[in-house]
Amino acid sequence: MAISRQAILIGSPSVKPELPGVTTDMGNIKQFLLSNKGGAWRADEIVTLSDPSSAAVDAQIESARYKDYVFISCSGHGEHRVGKGLDETVMYVKRK
């Protein structure tokens, strides 16, 4: 039986200040996943979200809940917060 998998590529190229490399990064990651070295993912296993709302991100993560393997990549502005009970990564998305 084959495993079920989902790749979710999230990018926010338009969040100020704009980062033009985000779109390139997302395309490169997708091409890698499609390659033999990247696991030969099928195109229908990869979802690309560009400048998504937080609701769109939540919906994709929820849809991947029952997959055997989930790969999530975030490109854009963000930060990692550690200390005083925090250990989280934050990515900035547009509010729509």
C-alpha atoms as a PDB file:
ATOM      1  CA  MET A   1       0.000   0.000   0.000  1.00  0.00           C
ATOM      2  CA  ALA A   2       1.400   3.398  -0.985  1.00  0.00           C
ATOM      3  CA  ILE A   3       1.780   6.115   1.596  1.00  0.00           C
ATOM      4  CA  SER A   4      -0.303   9.244   1.237  1.00  0.00           C
ATOM      5  CA  ARG A   5       1.622  12.499   1.310  1.00  0.00           C
ATOM      6  CA  GLN A   6       1.073  16.216   0.886  1.00  0.00           C
ATOM      7  CA  ALA A   7       3.568  19.024   0.340  1.00  0.00           C
ATOM      8  CA  ILE A   8       2.403  22.530   1.208  1.00  0.00           C
ATOM      9  CA  LEU A   9       4.649  25.302  -0.109  1.00  0.00           C
ATOM     10  CA  ILE A  10       3.766  28.643   1.459  1.00  0.00           C
ATOM     11  CA  GLY A  11       5.257  31.902   0.290  1.00  0.00           C
ATOM     12  CA  SER A  12       4.602  35.551   1.015  1.00  0.00           C
ATOM     13  CA  PRO A  13       6.491  37.507  -1.645  1.00  0.00           C
ATOM     14  CA  SER A  14       4.330  40.638  -1.332  1.00  0.00           C
ATOM     15  CA  VAL A  15       4.630  41.201   2.427  1.00  0.00           C
ATOM     16  CA  LYS A  16       6.533  44.486   2.880  1.00  0.00           C
ATOM     17  CA  PRO A  17       9.384  44.835   2.303  1.00  0.00           C
ATOM     18  CA  GLU A  18       8.885  42.596  -0.711  1.00  0.00           C
ATOM     19  CA  LEU A  19      11.228  39.666  -1.217  1.00  0.00           C
ATOM     20  CA  PRO A  20      11.478  38.800  -4.936  1.00  0.00           C
ATOM     21  CA  GLY A  21      13.386  35.588  -4.196  1.00  0.00           C
ATOM     22  CA  VAL A  22      10.394  33.989  -2.473  1.00  0.00           C
ATOM     23  CA  THR A  23       8.713  33.012  -5.752  1.00  0.00           C
ATOM     24  CA  THR A  24      12.002  31.605  -7.049  1.00  0.00           C
ATOM     25  CA  ASP A  25      12.500  29.631  -3.828  1.00  0.00           C
ATOM     26  CA  MET A  26       9.012  28.138  -4.033  1.00  0.00           C
ATOM     27  CA  GLY A  27       9.551  27.118  -7.665  1.00  0.00           C
ATOM     28  CA  ASN A  28      12.923  25.562  -6.869  1.00  0.00           C
ATOM     29  CA  ILE A  29      11.515  23.580  -3.946  1.00  0.00           C
ATOM     30  CA  LYS A  30       8.653  22.311  -6.095  1.00  0.00           C
ATOM     31  CA  GLN A  31      11.029  21.235  -8.869  1.00  0.00           C
ATOM     32  CA  PHE A  32      13.210  19.451  -6.309  1.00  0.00           C
ATOM     33  CA  LEU A  33      10.215  17.569  -4.884  1.00  0.00           C
ATOM     34  CA  LEU A  34       9.190  16.507  -8.397  1.00  0.00           C
ATOM     35  CA  SER A  35      12.697  15.176  -9.117  1.00  0.00           C
ATOM     36  CA  ASN A  36      13.937  11.694  -8.251  1.00  0.00           C
ATOM     37  CA  LYS A  37      16.363  13.145  -5.677  1.00  0.00           C
ATOM     38  CA  GLY A  38      13.488  15.024  -4.037  1.00  0.00           C
ATOM     39  CA  GLY A  39      11.269  11.970  -3.730  1.00  0.00           C
ATOM     40  CA  ALA A  40       9.523  11.996  -7.130  1.00  0.00           C
ATOM     41  CA  TRP A  41       6.396  13.618  -5.753  1.00  0.00           C
ATOM     42  CA  ARG A  42       3.417  13.773  -8.098  1.00  0.00           C
ATOM     43  CA  ALA A  43       2.229  17.262  -9.032  1.00  0.00           C
ATOM     44  CA  ASP A  44      -1.165  16.586  -7.402  1.00  0.00           C
ATOM     45  CA  GLU A  45       0.592  15.992  -4.064  1.00  0.00           C
ATOM     46  CA  ILE A  46       2.040  19.530  -4.014  1.00  0.00           C
ATOM     47  CA  VAL A  47       0.025  22.626  -3.088  1.00  0.00           C
ATOM     48  CA  THR A  48       1.562  26.069  -3.626  1.00  0.00           C
ATOM     49  CA  LEU A  49       0.135  29.025  -1.706  1.00  0.00           C
ATOM     50  CA  SER A  50       1.407  32.462  -2.712  1.00  0.00           C
ATOM     51  CA  ASP A  51       0.381  35.373  -0.479  1.00  0.00           C
ATOM     52  CA  PRO A  52      -2.257  33.248   1.233  1.00  0.00           C
ATOM     53  CA  SER A  53      -4.624  34.369   3.933  1.00  0.00           C
ATOM     54  CA  SER A  54      -4.222  32.702   7.308  1.00  0.00           C
ATOM     55  CA  ALA A  55      -7.537  30.916   6.628  1.00  0.00           C
ATOM     56  CA  ALA A  56      -6.141  29.422   3.401  1.00  0.00           C
ATOM     57  CA  VAL A  57      -3.068  28.153   5.256  1.00  0.00           C
ATOM     58  CA  ASP A  58      -5.246  26.685   8.011  1.00  0.00           C
ATOM     59  CA  ALA A  59      -7.485  24.965   5.429  1.00  0.00           C
ATOM     60  CA  GLN A  60      -4.538  23.330   3.670  1.00  0.00           C
ATOM     61  CA  ILE A  61      -3.015  22.133   6.929  1.00  0.00           C
ATOM     62  CA  GLU A  62      -6.381  20.739   7.983  1.00  0.00           C
ATOM     63  CA  SER A  63      -6.768  18.923   4.631  1.00  0.00           C
ATOM     64  CA  ALA A  64      -3.371  17.274   5.171  1.00  0.00           C
ATOM     65  CA  ARG A  65      -4.274  16.070   8.649  1.00  0.00           C
ATOM     66  CA  TYR A  66      -4.833  12.430   7.656  1.00  0.00           C
ATOM     67  CA  LYS A  67      -1.888  12.079   5.309  1.00  0.00           C
ATOM     68  CA  ASP A  68       0.904   9.698   6.277  1.00  0.00           C
ATOM     69  CA  TYR A  69       3.596  12.258   5.489  1.00  0.00           C
ATOM     70  CA  VAL A  70       3.361  16.050   5.265  1.00  0.00           C
ATOM     71  CA  PHE A  71       6.106  18.435   4.111  1.00  0.00           C
ATOM     72  CA  ILE A  72       5.597  22.152   4.777  1.00  0.00           C
ATOM     73  CA  SER A  73       7.921  24.835   3.442  1.00  0.00           C
ATOM     74  CA  CYS A  74       7.634  28.532   4.286  1.00  0.00           C
ATOM     75  CA  SER A  75       9.371  31.246   2.270  1.00  0.00           C
ATOM     76  CA  GLY A  76       9.244  34.908   3.218  1.00  0.00           C
ATOM     77  CA  HIS A  77       9.455  37.097   6.279  1.00  0.00           C
ATOM     78  CA  GLY A  78       9.201  35.465   9.660  1.00  0.00           C
ATOM     79  CA  GLU A  79      10.968  34.813  12.900  1.00  0.00           C
ATOM     80  CA  HIS A  80      11.707  32.127  15.438  1.00  0.00           C
ATOM     81  CA  ARG A  81      10.753  32.960  19.014  1.00  0.00           C
ATOM     82  CA  VAL A  82      12.355  31.153  21.921  1.00  0.00           C
ATOM     83  CA  GLY A  83      12.159  31.883  25.647  1.00  0.00           C
ATOM     84  CA  LYS A  84       9.672  32.197  28.500  1.00  0.00           C
ATOM     85  CA  GLY A  85       7.655  29.191  27.367  1.00  0.00           C
ATOM     86  CA  LEU A  86       7.960  30.052  23.669  1.00  0.00           C
ATOM     87  CA  ASP A  87       9.432  27.869  20.956  1.00  0.00           C
ATOM     88  CA  GLU A  88       7.582  28.805  17.805  1.00  0.00           C
ATOM     89  CA  THR A  89       8.142  29.907  14.261  1.00  0.00           C
ATOM     90  CA  VAL A  90       6.025  32.756  12.916  1.00  0.00           C
ATOM     91  CA  MET A  91       5.479  33.542   9.240  1.00  0.00           C
ATOM     92  CA  TYR A  92       3.833  36.793   8.237  1.00  0.00           C
ATOM     93  CA  VAL A  93       0.869  36.480   5.856  1.00  0.00           C
ATOM     94  CA  LYS A  94      -1.468  39.048   4.384  1.00  0.00           C
ATOM     95  CA  ARG A  95      -4.712  39.779   6.167  1.00  0.00           C
ATOM     96  CA  LYS A  96      -7.586  39.608   3.682  1.00  0.00           C
END
